[in-house]
Protein backbone atom coordinates (compact mmCIF):
# COMPACT_ATOMS: atom_id res chain seq x y z
CA MET A 1 226.85 46.46 141.65
CA ALA A 2 226.56 49.96 140.36
CA ARG A 3 223.75 50.46 137.94
CA GLU A 4 224.45 52.20 134.69
CA LYS A 5 222.45 55.34 134.25
CA THR A 6 220.44 55.43 131.07
CA ARG A 7 220.44 58.50 128.93
CA PRO A 8 217.14 60.25 128.26
CA LEU A 9 215.43 59.27 125.05
CA THR A 10 215.22 61.65 122.16
CA PRO A 11 211.69 62.56 121.10
CA GLU A 12 212.03 60.35 118.01
CA GLU A 13 213.18 57.36 120.10
CA ALA A 14 210.39 57.90 122.63
CA LYS A 15 207.79 58.13 119.87
CA ALA A 16 209.09 54.93 118.26
CA ARG A 17 208.95 53.06 121.58
CA LEU A 18 205.44 54.34 122.27
CA LEU A 19 204.17 53.31 118.83
CA GLU A 20 205.76 49.88 119.17
CA ALA A 21 204.20 49.35 122.62
CA ALA A 22 200.81 50.58 121.43
CA SER A 23 200.83 48.09 118.56
CA ARG A 24 201.05 45.22 121.06
CA VAL A 25 198.03 46.33 123.08
CA GLY A 26 194.46 45.32 122.29
CA PRO A 27 192.84 42.61 120.26
CA LEU A 28 194.72 43.37 117.04
CA GLY A 29 198.05 43.15 118.81
CA PHE A 30 197.05 39.77 120.23
CA ALA A 31 195.89 38.58 116.82
CA ARG A 32 199.18 39.61 115.22
CA ARG A 33 201.21 37.76 117.86
CA HIS A 34 198.93 34.68 117.96
CA PRO A 35 197.23 34.27 114.57
CA TRP A 36 196.31 30.58 114.96
CA GLU A 37 194.69 31.15 118.36
CA GLY A 38 192.67 34.00 116.85
CA ILE A 39 191.49 31.78 114.00
CA LEU A 40 190.54 29.05 116.45
CA ALA A 41 188.61 31.49 118.66
CA ALA A 42 186.75 32.90 115.64
CA PHE A 43 185.89 29.41 114.44
CA LEU A 44 184.60 28.32 117.86
CA LEU A 45 182.56 31.49 118.28
CA GLY A 46 181.10 30.98 114.81
CA CYS A 47 180.12 27.42 115.63
CA LEU A 48 178.60 28.49 118.92
CA ALA A 49 176.75 31.41 117.37
CA GLY A 50 175.35 29.23 114.60
CA SER A 51 174.31 26.35 116.81
CA GLU A 52 171.07 27.63 118.31
CA PRO A 53 169.29 30.94 118.97
CA ASP A 54 169.92 30.99 122.74
CA ALA A 55 173.66 30.53 122.24
CA ARG A 56 173.63 33.20 119.55
CA MET A 57 172.05 35.65 121.98
CA ALA A 58 174.61 34.82 124.68
CA VAL A 59 177.52 35.30 122.28
CA ARG A 60 176.11 38.62 121.04
CA GLU A 61 175.65 39.96 124.58
CA SER A 62 179.11 38.81 125.67
CA LEU A 63 180.79 40.34 122.66
CA SER A 64 178.96 43.63 123.08
CA LEU A 65 180.11 43.82 126.71
CA LEU A 66 183.67 42.94 125.72
CA LEU A 67 183.75 45.58 123.00
CA LYS A 68 182.52 48.22 125.43
CA VAL A 69 185.45 47.41 127.73
CA LEU A 70 187.99 47.57 124.90
């Protein structure tokens, strides 16, 4: 089968594709695609953080490491 050659994108098309792909990356992109899972995760983290001081410290340290990576 011969593959069809694709034409080069115009700058406007390339910019639109880049912006669309960038909107899917990161925590906000995940939250937009999966709102109920995000709500559940926030609820569970809130319960864990409010349960006892040691858990609160563990959640804070984990989140600070995660935010440094992102």
